[in-house]
Amino acid sequence: MLVFVEVRYRADSDHGSPLATVTHAKQRKLIRTASFFLQQQFGDRWPACRFDVVGISGDLQQSPTIQWIPAAFY
């Protein structure tokens, strides 16, 4: 399984969570980029893959909150 991971960080959540920044438009860009990579590396025989999203919020020096969403979108 090949996993593409989008990592988003926000120091505070006043303007929403880091996970909320992965919009449908961002997902389309990630899928398009991953498709290009897969075509270049594997030709027509792509491995199984998925897209995970990791959201990090808070002070990085003092135990930030980390949320990991496996298979967040396809």
Protein backbone atom coordinates (compact mmCIF):
# COMPACT_ATOMS: atom_id res chain seq x y z
CA MET A 1 0.00 0.00 0.00
CA LEU A 2 1.43 3.36 -1.05
CA VAL A 3 0.23 6.13 1.25
CA PHE A 4 0.22 9.80 0.27
CA VAL A 5 0.10 11.96 3.40
CA GLU A 6 -0.98 15.61 3.47
CA VAL A 7 0.23 17.29 6.67
CA ARG A 8 -1.41 20.55 7.75
CA TYR A 9 -0.42 22.73 10.71
CA ARG A 10 -2.12 25.59 12.53
CA ALA A 11 -0.71 27.31 15.60
CA ASP A 12 -4.24 28.03 16.84
CA SER A 13 -7.71 27.03 15.74
CA ASP A 14 -9.23 30.52 15.66
CA HIS A 15 -9.70 30.15 11.91
CA GLY A 16 -10.64 26.47 11.89
CA SER A 17 -8.85 23.19 12.31
CA PRO A 18 -5.92 22.18 10.14
CA LEU A 19 -7.98 19.28 8.79
CA ALA A 20 -10.61 21.71 7.50
CA THR A 21 -8.01 23.27 5.19
CA VAL A 22 -7.99 20.16 3.00
CA THR A 23 -10.85 21.29 0.78
CA HIS A 24 -12.28 19.49 -2.26
CA ALA A 25 -10.12 21.69 -4.47
CA LYS A 26 -7.00 20.71 -2.48
CA GLN A 27 -8.02 17.04 -2.71
CA ARG A 28 -8.33 17.31 -6.50
CA LYS A 29 -4.83 18.83 -6.71
CA LEU A 30 -3.39 16.07 -4.54
CA ILE A 31 -5.08 13.37 -6.61
CA ARG A 32 -3.85 14.95 -9.85
CA THR A 33 -0.28 15.20 -8.53
CA ALA A 34 -0.36 11.63 -7.19
CA SER A 35 -1.68 10.37 -10.54
CA PHE A 36 1.21 12.04 -12.35
CA PHE A 37 3.70 10.54 -9.90
CA LEU A 38 2.17 7.06 -10.23
CA GLN A 39 2.19 7.26 -14.03
CA GLN A 40 5.86 8.33 -14.04
CA GLN A 41 6.98 5.71 -11.52
CA PHE A 42 4.74 2.74 -12.29
CA GLY A 43 3.34 3.23 -15.78
CA ASP A 44 0.02 1.43 -16.15
CA ARG A 45 0.46 -0.90 -13.17
CA TRP A 46 -0.23 1.28 -10.13
CA PRO A 47 0.06 -0.15 -6.63
CA ALA A 48 -2.81 0.11 -4.19
CA CYS A 49 -2.74 3.57 -2.63
CA ARG A 50 -4.65 5.87 -0.32
CA PHE A 51 -4.61 9.47 0.92
CA ASP A 52 -4.17 10.19 4.62
CA VAL A 53 -4.43 13.60 6.25
CA VAL A 54 -2.56 14.61 9.40
CA GLY A 55 -3.61 17.76 11.24
CA ILE A 56 -1.29 19.32 13.80
CA SER A 57 -2.41 22.21 15.99
CA GLY A 58 -1.05 24.07 18.97
CA ASP A 59 2.43 24.93 20.12
CA LEU A 60 4.95 22.58 18.54
CA GLN A 61 7.24 22.92 21.56
CA GLN A 62 4.57 21.91 24.08
CA SER A 63 2.67 18.75 23.12
CA PRO A 64 0.67 19.77 20.04
CA THR A 65 -2.58 18.04 19.16
CA ILE A 66 -2.15 15.56 16.31
CA GLN A 67 -5.09 14.10 14.38
CA TRP A 68 -4.47 11.41 11.76
CA ILE A 69 -7.23 10.46 9.32
CA PRO A 70 -6.29 7.33 7.37
CA ALA A 71 -7.99 6.97 3.96
CA ALA A 72 -9.39 10.50 4.28
CA PHE A 73 -10.40 10.60 0.61
CA TYR A 74 -9.87 8.72 -2.66
